[in-house]
Amino acid sequence: MDDLAITLSGDSVAPGEAYLVDTPVLRPHTGTQPDLFLRWNKISLAARSVDVVVHLHGFSQQGQAMPLSEKVANSGLDLSGRTRPTIALLPRGNWLRYTWYDFPALLSGGMDWLVDYGVRRFSGAIGRETLAIDRFILAAHSGGGMPAVDVIGGAHRAPDEFYVFDGLYGRDPSRGNPMRGLETIDQWLGERLAREPERAGALRVIYIEQQTGPFSRKVGELIARHLAGVEPAVAAVLRRRYRVEVSRVQHSQIARRCLPDLLAGFDIEFDWSR
């Protein structure tokens, strides 16, 4: 543990994974060790850049004793369908109380530190000083959804793709506006769409009505507003990648079911019969 065991296959690094302990940016978080999971697909030794996927997990019935492996199993961080060189990171959140976790260390630029740290650890393991970061993909499930919105608001590196799996619960109305965070998504979405089609991206929200319906549907309204003035043929293409839809699987399985497909192709139509 805390050792990236690299296996070479010809002129490439073979797919692998590792658990790391005492990740510097995550030290303020309360919880178990290891606190960071890494997974990578086949990566050429000649590669100059990689894509990075970060998944923020949700609540846990094990509370403070939650092992990170519990969240890896249902994260959907399956890179087998992805051809671009990619490193996936799953950080352990901060236990609050009961089953609740959040990610305060990743706010105000902490996510940038985490991504850089993960890539640096991988680069060092293959004998490289550094690898550039090309695409950044942020995914979140359940209780990781609203922290992911907050991360976007404070990160220097905005995600090219943002996936939320039944995680847009909104805020506690006793503490203010329950829809706070929509303005963050609105701003990110406008900036993201401005980079189309030269740098294509995606926003996919999959939700269950009784859990995260109100906030998720508001995000759908934001998407519709942004695409309203776009030429119809272009808008039809964008709507495949920027969309909000109802899940056909139970809450705990949404990320596991959907994220592998999205990592293989961000405009995928889910085959819910599988």
C-alpha atoms as a PDB file:
ATOM      1  CA  MET A   1       0.000   0.000   0.000  1.00  0.00           C
ATOM      2  CA  ASP A   2       1.166   3.535  -0.849  1.00  0.00           C
ATOM      3  CA  ASP A   3       3.312   2.049  -3.595  1.00  0.00           C
ATOM      4  CA  LEU A   4       2.373   2.330  -7.247  1.00  0.00           C
ATOM      5  CA  ALA A   5       3.309  -1.075  -8.667  1.00  0.00           C
ATOM      6  CA  ILE A   6       3.900  -0.365 -12.333  1.00  0.00           C
ATOM      7  CA  THR A   7       3.914  -3.211 -14.851  1.00  0.00           C
ATOM      8  CA  LEU A   8       5.290  -2.622 -18.323  1.00  0.00           C
ATOM      9  CA  SER A   9       3.837  -4.210 -21.424  1.00  0.00           C
ATOM     10  CA  GLY A  10       6.108  -3.474 -24.333  1.00  0.00           C
ATOM     11  CA  ASP A  11       6.407   0.272 -24.663  1.00  0.00           C
ATOM     12  CA  SER A  12       3.385   0.961 -22.438  1.00  0.00           C
ATOM     13  CA  VAL A  13       2.330   0.863 -18.806  1.00  0.00           C
ATOM     14  CA  ALA A  14      -0.175  -1.934 -18.295  1.00  0.00           C
ATOM     15  CA  PRO A  15      -3.516  -1.099 -16.621  1.00  0.00           C
ATOM     16  CA  GLY A  16      -3.262  -1.073 -12.828  1.00  0.00           C
ATOM     17  CA  GLU A  17      -4.417   0.430  -9.573  1.00  0.00           C
ATOM     18  CA  ALA A  18      -3.121   1.417  -6.151  1.00  0.00           C
ATOM     19  CA  TYR A  19      -4.226   2.723  -2.756  1.00  0.00           C
ATOM     20  CA  LEU A  20      -2.297   5.619  -1.201  1.00  0.00           C
ATOM     21  CA  VAL A  21      -2.159   6.752   2.421  1.00  0.00           C
ATOM     22  CA  ASP A  22      -1.734  10.185   4.033  1.00  0.00           C
ATOM     23  CA  THR A  23      -2.455  12.182   0.908  1.00  0.00           C
ATOM     24  CA  PRO A  24      -1.279  15.703   1.830  1.00  0.00           C
ATOM     25  CA  VAL A  25      -4.329  17.653   0.627  1.00  0.00           C
ATOM     26  CA  LEU A  26      -6.687  15.178   2.353  1.00  0.00           C
ATOM     27  CA  ARG A  27      -5.061  15.313   5.807  1.00  0.00           C
ATOM     28  CA  PRO A  28      -7.756  17.630   7.231  1.00  0.00           C
ATOM     29  CA  HIS A  29     -10.374  14.964   6.457  1.00  0.00           C
ATOM     30  CA  THR A  30     -11.556  12.596   9.197  1.00  0.00           C
ATOM     31  CA  GLY A  31     -11.712   8.924   8.233  1.00  0.00           C
ATOM     32  CA  THR A  32      -9.784   5.757   7.553  1.00  0.00           C
ATOM     33  CA  GLN A  33      -6.600   5.058   5.626  1.00  0.00           C
ATOM     34  CA  PRO A  34      -5.852   4.607   2.770  1.00  0.00           C
ATOM     35  CA  ASP A  35      -7.406   7.864   1.661  1.00  0.00           C
ATOM     36  CA  LEU A  36      -6.801   7.866  -2.093  1.00  0.00           C
ATOM     37  CA  PHE A  37      -7.415   5.260  -4.794  1.00  0.00           C
ATOM     38  CA  LEU A  38      -5.727   5.455  -8.207  1.00  0.00           C
ATOM     39  CA  ARG A  39      -6.514   3.459 -11.328  1.00  0.00           C
ATOM     40  CA  TRP A  40      -5.031   3.816 -14.792  1.00  0.00           C
ATOM     41  CA  ASN A  41      -5.542   2.247 -18.189  1.00  0.00           C
ATOM     42  CA  LYS A  42      -2.884   1.328 -20.737  1.00  0.00           C
ATOM     43  CA  ILE A  43      -0.620   4.361 -21.116  1.00  0.00           C
ATOM     44  CA  SER A  44       2.203   4.656 -23.614  1.00  0.00           C
ATOM     45  CA  LEU A  45       5.574   5.500 -22.121  1.00  0.00           C
ATOM     46  CA  ALA A  46       5.830   8.131 -24.843  1.00  0.00           C
ATOM     47  CA  ALA A  47       2.624   9.859 -23.707  1.00  0.00           C
ATOM     48  CA  ARG A  48       3.064  13.524 -22.874  1.00  0.00           C
ATOM     49  CA  SER A  49      -0.338  14.040 -21.266  1.00  0.00           C
ATOM     50  CA  VAL A  50      -3.141  12.139 -19.565  1.00  0.00           C
ATOM     51  CA  ASP A  51      -6.804  12.688 -18.824  1.00  0.00           C
ATOM     52  CA  VAL A  52      -7.831  12.674 -15.165  1.00  0.00           C
ATOM     53  CA  VAL A  53     -11.129  11.453 -13.740  1.00  0.00           C
ATOM     54  CA  VAL A  54     -12.048  12.269 -10.134  1.00  0.00           C
ATOM     55  CA  HIS A  55     -15.028  10.618  -8.446  1.00  0.00           C
ATOM     56  CA  LEU A  56     -16.534  12.043  -5.245  1.00  0.00           C
ATOM     57  CA  HIS A  57     -18.332   9.363  -3.239  1.00  0.00           C
ATOM     58  CA  GLY A  58     -21.488   9.659  -1.192  1.00  0.00           C
ATOM     59  CA  PHE A  59     -22.609   8.654   2.274  1.00  0.00           C
ATOM     60  CA  SER A  60     -21.748   5.375   3.993  1.00  0.00           C
ATOM     61  CA  GLN A  61     -23.672   3.193   6.426  1.00  0.00           C
ATOM     62  CA  GLN A  62     -20.295   2.394   8.027  1.00  0.00           C
ATOM     63  CA  GLY A  63     -19.868   6.007   9.038  1.00  0.00           C
ATOM     64  CA  GLN A  64     -16.388   6.976  10.188  1.00  0.00           C
ATOM     65  CA  ALA A  65     -15.167   3.373   9.786  1.00  0.00           C
ATOM     66  CA  MET A  66     -15.861   3.287   6.041  1.00  0.00           C
ATOM     67  CA  PRO A  67     -12.986   1.704   4.108  1.00  0.00           C
ATOM     68  CA  LEU A  68     -12.277   3.401   0.787  1.00  0.00           C
ATOM     69  CA  SER A  69     -12.642   0.061  -0.997  1.00  0.00           C
ATOM     70  CA  GLU A  70     -16.392   0.203  -0.270  1.00  0.00           C
ATOM     71  CA  LYS A  71     -16.709   3.204  -2.557  1.00  0.00           C
ATOM     72  CA  VAL A  72     -14.351   1.919  -5.227  1.00  0.00           C
ATOM     73  CA  ALA A  73     -16.622  -1.075  -5.851  1.00  0.00           C
ATOM     74  CA  ASN A  74     -19.636   1.020  -6.881  1.00  0.00           C
ATOM     75  CA  SER A  75     -17.837   4.063  -8.285  1.00  0.00           C
ATOM     76  CA  GLY A  76     -18.012   3.077 -11.938  1.00  0.00           C
ATOM     77  CA  LEU A  77     -14.339   3.951 -12.401  1.00  0.00           C
ATOM     78  CA  ASP A  78     -13.973   1.328 -15.114  1.00  0.00           C
ATOM     79  CA  LEU A  79     -11.478   2.471 -17.726  1.00  0.00           C
ATOM     80  CA  SER A  80     -11.629  -0.649 -19.888  1.00  0.00           C
ATOM     81  CA  GLY A  81     -13.704   1.088 -22.567  1.00  0.00           C
ATOM     82  CA  ARG A  82     -11.524   4.171 -22.702  1.00  0.00           C
ATOM     83  CA  THR A  83      -8.781   4.550 -25.323  1.00  0.00           C
ATOM     84  CA  ARG A  84      -7.284   7.865 -24.184  1.00  0.00           C
ATOM     85  CA  PRO A  85      -4.519   7.595 -21.535  1.00  0.00           C
ATOM     86  CA  THR A  86      -6.356   8.179 -18.273  1.00  0.00           C
ATOM     87  CA  ILE A  87      -5.752   8.237 -14.526  1.00  0.00           C
ATOM     88  CA  ALA A  88      -8.753   7.901 -12.210  1.00  0.00           C
ATOM     89  CA  LEU A  89      -8.739   9.172  -8.610  1.00  0.00           C
ATOM     90  CA  LEU A  90     -11.172   8.421  -5.797  1.00  0.00           C
ATOM     91  CA  PRO A  91     -10.409  10.444  -2.636  1.00  0.00           C
ATOM     92  CA  ARG A  92     -11.880   9.543   0.745  1.00  0.00           C
ATOM     93  CA  GLY A  93     -14.107  12.307   1.998  1.00  0.00           C
ATOM     94  CA  ASN A  94     -14.399  13.888   5.425  1.00  0.00           C
ATOM     95  CA  TRP A  95     -16.694  12.091   7.875  1.00  0.00           C
ATOM     96  CA  LEU A  96     -19.112  14.570   9.433  1.00  0.00           C
ATOM     97  CA  ARG A  97     -21.444  12.454  11.582  1.00  0.00           C
ATOM     98  CA  TYR A  98     -23.786   9.510  11.177  1.00  0.00           C
ATOM     99  CA  THR A  99     -23.415   8.401   7.536  1.00  0.00           C
ATOM    100  CA  TRP A 100     -22.480  11.810   6.159  1.00  0.00           C
ATOM    101  CA  TYR A 101     -19.327  12.778   4.283  1.00  0.00           C
ATOM    102  CA  ASP A 102     -18.222  15.980   2.603  1.00  0.00           C
ATOM    103  CA  PHE A 103     -15.034  17.214   0.885  1.00  0.00           C
ATOM    104  CA  PRO A 104     -13.922  20.525   2.444  1.00  0.00           C
ATOM    105  CA  ALA A 105     -10.244  19.977   1.640  1.00  0.00           C
ATOM    106  CA  LEU A 106     -11.051  19.965  -2.079  1.00  0.00           C
ATOM    107  CA  LEU A 107     -12.645  23.412  -2.039  1.00  0.00           C
ATOM    108  CA  SER A 108     -10.802  26.667  -2.779  1.00  0.00           C
ATOM    109  CA  GLY A 109      -8.318  25.022  -5.126  1.00  0.00           C
ATOM    110  CA  GLY A 110      -7.874  21.768  -3.218  1.00  0.00           C
ATOM    111  CA  MET A 111      -9.122  19.758  -6.182  1.00  0.00           C
ATOM    112  CA  ASP A 112      -6.318  21.195  -8.310  1.00  0.00           C
ATOM    113  CA  TRP A 113      -3.816  20.058  -5.686  1.00  0.00           C
ATOM    114  CA  LEU A 114      -5.322  16.563  -5.609  1.00  0.00           C
ATOM    115  CA  VAL A 115      -5.232  16.147  -9.383  1.00  0.00           C
ATOM    116  CA  ASP A 116      -1.649  17.397  -9.596  1.00  0.00           C
ATOM    117  CA  TYR A 117      -0.613  15.090  -6.743  1.00  0.00           C
ATOM    118  CA  GLY A 118      -2.153  12.003  -8.343  1.00  0.00           C
ATOM    119  CA  VAL A 119      -0.526  12.676 -11.697  1.00  0.00           C
ATOM    120  CA  ARG A 120       2.804  13.439 -10.020  1.00  0.00           C
ATOM    121  CA  ARG A 121       2.749  10.137  -8.115  1.00  0.00           C
ATOM    122  CA  PHE A 122       2.019   8.219 -11.309  1.00  0.00           C
ATOM    123  CA  SER A 123       4.639  10.145 -13.298  1.00  0.00           C
ATOM    124  CA  GLY A 124       7.282   9.424 -10.668  1.00  0.00           C
ATOM    125  CA  ALA A 125       6.427   5.725 -10.667  1.00  0.00           C
ATOM    126  CA  ILE A 126       7.110   5.461 -14.405  1.00  0.00           C
ATOM    127  CA  GLY A 127      10.292   7.524 -14.195  1.00  0.00           C
ATOM    128  CA  ARG A 128       8.905  10.726 -15.670  1.00  0.00           C
ATOM    129  CA  GLU A 129       9.313  14.153 -14.146  1.00  0.00           C
ATOM    130  CA  THR A 130       5.771  15.113 -15.064  1.00  0.00           C
ATOM    131  CA  LEU A 131       2.855  14.506 -17.387  1.00  0.00           C
ATOM    132  CA  ALA A 132       0.614  17.283 -18.632  1.00  0.00           C
ATOM    133  CA  ILE A 133      -3.103  17.103 -17.832  1.00  0.00           C
ATOM    134  CA  ASP A 134      -5.356  17.219 -20.850  1.00  0.00           C
ATOM    135  CA  ARG A 135      -9.031  16.542 -20.081  1.00  0.00           C
ATOM    136  CA  PHE A 136     -10.418  16.791 -16.551  1.00  0.00           C
ATOM    137  CA  ILE A 137     -13.554  14.784 -15.772  1.00  0.00           C
ATOM    138  CA  LEU A 138     -15.445  15.228 -12.499  1.00  0.00           C
ATOM    139  CA  ALA A 139     -18.004  12.638 -11.392  1.00  0.00           C
ATOM    140  CA  ALA A 140     -20.027  12.438  -8.195  1.00  0.00           C
ATOM    141  CA  HIS A 141     -22.558  10.091  -6.647  1.00  0.00           C
ATOM    142  CA  SER A 142     -25.176  10.770  -3.968  1.00  0.00           C
ATOM    143  CA  GLY A 143     -23.764  12.930  -1.172  1.00  0.00           C
ATOM    144  CA  GLY A 144     -20.754  13.788  -3.318  1.00  0.00           C
ATOM    145  CA  GLY A 145     -22.933  15.739  -5.745  1.00  0.00           C
ATOM    146  CA  MET A 146     -23.322  19.066  -3.960  1.00  0.00           C
ATOM    147  CA  PRO A 147     -19.644  19.116  -2.852  1.00  0.00           C
ATOM    148  CA  ALA A 148     -18.757  18.590  -6.528  1.00  0.00           C
ATOM    149  CA  VAL A 149     -20.760  21.700  -7.426  1.00  0.00           C
ATOM    150  CA  ASP A 150     -18.848  23.624  -4.750  1.00  0.00           C
ATOM    151  CA  VAL A 151     -15.556  22.267  -6.113  1.00  0.00           C
ATOM    152  CA  ILE A 152     -16.352  23.662  -9.554  1.00  0.00           C
ATOM    153  CA  GLY A 153     -16.967  27.057  -8.005  1.00  0.00           C
ATOM    154  CA  GLY A 154     -13.510  27.182  -6.434  1.00  0.00           C
ATOM    155  CA  ALA A 155     -11.258  25.234  -8.784  1.00  0.00           C
ATOM    156  CA  HIS A 156      -8.776  26.744 -11.198  1.00  0.00           C
ATOM    157  CA  ARG A 157      -9.098  23.741 -13.512  1.00  0.00           C
ATOM    158  CA  ALA A 158     -12.712  23.552 -14.686  1.00  0.00           C
ATOM    159  CA  PRO A 159     -13.946  20.105 -15.726  1.00  0.00           C
ATOM    160  CA  ASP A 160     -14.461  19.333 -19.394  1.00  0.00           C
ATOM    161  CA  GLU A 161     -17.035  16.732 -18.385  1.00  0.00           C
ATOM    162  CA  PHE A 162     -19.258  16.744 -15.291  1.00  0.00           C
ATOM    163  CA  TYR A 163     -21.340  13.715 -14.313  1.00  0.00           C
ATOM    164  CA  VAL A 164     -23.686  13.595 -11.316  1.00  0.00           C
ATOM    165  CA  PHE A 165     -25.470  10.417 -10.270  1.00  0.00           C
ATOM    166  CA  ASP A 166     -28.502  11.151  -8.088  1.00  0.00           C
ATOM    167  CA  GLY A 167     -26.474  13.676  -6.123  1.00  0.00           C
ATOM    168  CA  LEU A 168     -28.102  17.081  -6.574  1.00  0.00           C
ATOM    169  CA  TYR A 169     -30.065  17.157  -3.332  1.00  0.00           C
ATOM    170  CA  GLY A 170     -29.911  20.918  -2.985  1.00  0.00           C
ATOM    171  CA  ARG A 171     -29.174  22.709   0.290  1.00  0.00           C
ATOM    172  CA  ASP A 172     -30.711  22.585   3.718  1.00  0.00           C
ATOM    173  CA  PRO A 173     -33.527  25.174   3.422  1.00  0.00           C
ATOM    174  CA  SER A 174     -33.048  26.131   7.072  1.00  0.00           C
ATOM    175  CA  ARG A 175     -29.637  27.516   6.072  1.00  0.00           C
ATOM    176  CA  GLY A 176     -30.720  29.544   3.065  1.00  0.00           C
ATOM    177  CA  ASN A 177     -31.618  29.046  -0.566  1.00  0.00           C
ATOM    178  CA  PRO A 178     -32.098  25.309  -1.268  1.00  0.00           C
ATOM    179  CA  MET A 179     -31.146  25.928  -4.898  1.00  0.00           C
ATOM    180  CA  ARG A 180     -27.812  27.583  -4.119  1.00  0.00           C
ATOM    181  CA  GLY A 181     -25.282  26.155  -6.531  1.00  0.00           C
ATOM    182  CA  LEU A 182     -27.406  26.518  -9.640  1.00  0.00           C
ATOM    183  CA  GLU A 183     -25.603  29.787 -10.328  1.00  0.00           C
ATOM    184  CA  THR A 184     -22.279  27.903 -10.215  1.00  0.00           C
ATOM    185  CA  ILE A 185     -23.495  25.321 -12.728  1.00  0.00           C
ATOM    186  CA  ASP A 186     -24.977  28.098 -14.890  1.00  0.00           C
ATOM    187  CA  GLN A 187     -21.657  29.931 -15.071  1.00  0.00           C
ATOM    188  CA  TRP A 188     -19.635  26.774 -15.714  1.00  0.00           C
ATOM    189  CA  LEU A 189     -22.116  25.657 -18.378  1.00  0.00           C
ATOM    190  CA  GLY A 190     -21.900  28.961 -20.217  1.00  0.00           C
ATOM    191  CA  GLU A 191     -18.115  28.871 -20.216  1.00  0.00           C
ATOM    192  CA  ARG A 192     -18.106  25.218 -21.219  1.00  0.00           C
ATOM    193  CA  LEU A 193     -20.470  25.687 -24.163  1.00  0.00           C
ATOM    194  CA  ALA A 194     -18.397  28.622 -25.361  1.00  0.00           C
ATOM    195  CA  ARG A 195     -15.576  26.141 -26.005  1.00  0.00           C
ATOM    196  CA  GLU A 196     -17.741  23.967 -28.246  1.00  0.00           C
ATOM    197  CA  PRO A 197     -17.127  22.410 -30.699  1.00  0.00           C
ATOM    198  CA  GLU A 198     -13.349  22.912 -30.645  1.00  0.00           C
ATOM    199  CA  ARG A 199     -13.098  21.314 -27.202  1.00  0.00           C
ATOM    200  CA  ALA A 200     -16.144  19.131 -26.722  1.00  0.00           C
ATOM    201  CA  GLY A 201     -17.475  18.464 -23.245  1.00  0.00           C
ATOM    202  CA  ALA A 202     -20.472  17.110 -21.397  1.00  0.00           C
ATOM    203  CA  LEU A 203     -22.883  17.553 -18.496  1.00  0.00           C
ATOM    204  CA  ARG A 204     -24.873  14.438 -17.688  1.00  0.00           C
ATOM    205  CA  VAL A 205     -27.169  14.312 -14.666  1.00  0.00           C
ATOM    206  CA  ILE A 206     -28.942  11.035 -13.858  1.00  0.00           C
ATOM    207  CA  TYR A 207     -31.449  11.287 -11.037  1.00  0.00           C
ATOM    208  CA  ILE A 208     -34.287   9.684  -9.093  1.00  0.00           C
ATOM    209  CA  GLU A 209     -37.247  12.028  -8.713  1.00  0.00           C
ATOM    210  CA  GLN A 210     -38.032  11.519  -5.033  1.00  0.00           C
ATOM    211  CA  GLN A 211     -34.410  12.079  -4.040  1.00  0.00           C
ATOM    212  CA  THR A 212     -32.858  14.719  -6.259  1.00  0.00           C
ATOM    213  CA  GLY A 213     -35.608  15.642  -8.717  1.00  0.00           C
ATOM    214  CA  PRO A 214     -36.189  19.353  -8.002  1.00  0.00           C
ATOM    215  CA  PHE A 215     -32.559  20.481  -8.306  1.00  0.00           C
ATOM    216  CA  SER A 216     -31.810  18.116 -11.196  1.00  0.00           C
ATOM    217  CA  ARG A 217     -34.770  19.381 -13.208  1.00  0.00           C
ATOM    218  CA  LYS A 218     -33.619  22.967 -12.629  1.00  0.00           C
ATOM    219  CA  VAL A 219     -30.287  22.000 -14.178  1.00  0.00           C
ATOM    220  CA  GLY A 220     -32.236  20.670 -17.149  1.00  0.00           C
ATOM    221  CA  GLU A 221     -33.893  24.072 -17.463  1.00  0.00           C
ATOM    222  CA  LEU A 222     -30.473  25.750 -17.453  1.00  0.00           C
ATOM    223  CA  ILE A 223     -29.323  23.505 -20.285  1.00  0.00           C
ATOM    224  CA  ALA A 224     -32.472  24.261 -22.293  1.00  0.00           C
ATOM    225  CA  ARG A 225     -31.965  27.996 -21.837  1.00  0.00           C
ATOM    226  CA  HIS A 226     -28.329  27.872 -22.943  1.00  0.00           C
ATOM    227  CA  LEU A 227     -29.178  25.828 -26.042  1.00  0.00           C
ATOM    228  CA  ALA A 228     -32.299  27.796 -26.999  1.00  0.00           C
ATOM    229  CA  GLY A 229     -30.431  30.178 -29.276  1.00  0.00           C
ATOM    230  CA  VAL A 230     -28.132  27.587 -30.838  1.00  0.00           C
ATOM    231  CA  GLU A 231     -28.610  26.542 -34.473  1.00  0.00           C
ATOM    232  CA  PRO A 232     -30.959  23.497 -34.416  1.00  0.00           C
ATOM    233  CA  ALA A 233     -28.580  20.960 -35.957  1.00  0.00           C
ATOM    234  CA  VAL A 234     -25.795  21.961 -33.546  1.00  0.00           C
ATOM    235  CA  ALA A 235     -28.180  21.977 -30.584  1.00  0.00           C
ATOM    236  CA  ALA A 236     -29.291  18.431 -31.436  1.00  0.00           C
ATOM    237  CA  VAL A 237     -25.678  17.259 -31.181  1.00  0.00           C
ATOM    238  CA  LEU A 238     -25.095  19.125 -27.923  1.00  0.00           C
ATOM    239  CA  ARG A 239     -28.261  17.763 -26.328  1.00  0.00           C
ATOM    240  CA  ARG A 240     -26.779  14.283 -26.514  1.00  0.00           C
ATOM    241  CA  ARG A 241     -23.942  15.428 -24.268  1.00  0.00           C
ATOM    242  CA  TYR A 242     -25.663  18.022 -22.092  1.00  0.00           C
ATOM    243  CA  ARG A 243     -28.750  16.430 -20.605  1.00  0.00           C
ATOM    244  CA  VAL A 244     -30.678  15.457 -17.487  1.00  0.00           C
ATOM    245  CA  GLU A 245     -32.462  12.121 -17.351  1.00  0.00           C
ATOM    246  CA  VAL A 246     -34.223   9.779 -14.952  1.00  0.00           C
ATOM    247  CA  SER A 247     -32.378   6.702 -13.710  1.00  0.00           C
ATOM    248  CA  ARG A 248     -33.771   3.250 -14.422  1.00  0.00           C
ATOM    249  CA  VAL A 249     -31.645   1.575 -11.749  1.00  0.00           C
ATOM    250  CA  GLN A 250     -31.612   1.970  -7.986  1.00  0.00           C
ATOM    251  CA  HIS A 251     -29.680   4.750  -6.282  1.00  0.00           C
ATOM    252  CA  SER A 252     -26.672   2.686  -5.166  1.00  0.00           C
ATOM    253  CA  GLN A 253     -26.068   1.321  -8.670  1.00  0.00           C
ATOM    254  CA  ILE A 254     -26.324   4.446 -10.828  1.00  0.00           C
ATOM    255  CA  ALA A 255     -22.620   5.369 -10.935  1.00  0.00           C
ATOM    256  CA  ARG A 256     -21.598   1.741 -11.372  1.00  0.00           C
ATOM    257  CA  ARG A 257     -24.019   1.368 -14.264  1.00  0.00           C
ATOM    258  CA  CYS A 258     -23.522   4.701 -16.035  1.00  0.00           C
ATOM    259  CA  LEU A 259     -19.983   5.984 -15.525  1.00  0.00           C
ATOM    260  CA  PRO A 260     -18.179   3.241 -17.499  1.00  0.00           C
ATOM    261  CA  ASP A 261     -20.366   4.043 -20.510  1.00  0.00           C
ATOM    262  CA  LEU A 262     -19.742   7.780 -20.165  1.00  0.00           C
ATOM    263  CA  LEU A 263     -15.988   7.281 -19.895  1.00  0.00           C
ATOM    264  CA  ALA A 264     -16.144   5.299 -23.138  1.00  0.00           C
ATOM    265  CA  GLY A 265     -18.307   7.889 -24.921  1.00  0.00           C
ATOM    266  CA  PHE A 266     -19.842  10.997 -23.404  1.00  0.00           C
ATOM    267  CA  ASP A 267     -22.780  11.073 -25.823  1.00  0.00           C
ATOM    268  CA  ILE A 268     -23.828   7.507 -25.023  1.00  0.00           C
ATOM    269  CA  GLU A 269     -27.474   6.484 -24.921  1.00  0.00           C
ATOM    270  CA  PHE A 270     -27.846   4.232 -21.894  1.00  0.00           C
ATOM    271  CA  ASP A 271     -29.231   0.762 -22.537  1.00  0.00           C
ATOM    272  CA  TRP A 272     -31.193   0.436 -19.312  1.00  0.00           C
ATOM    273  CA  SER A 273     -32.203  -3.114 -20.204  1.00  0.00           C
ATOM    274  CA  ARG A 274     -28.704  -4.339 -19.348  1.00  0.00           C
END
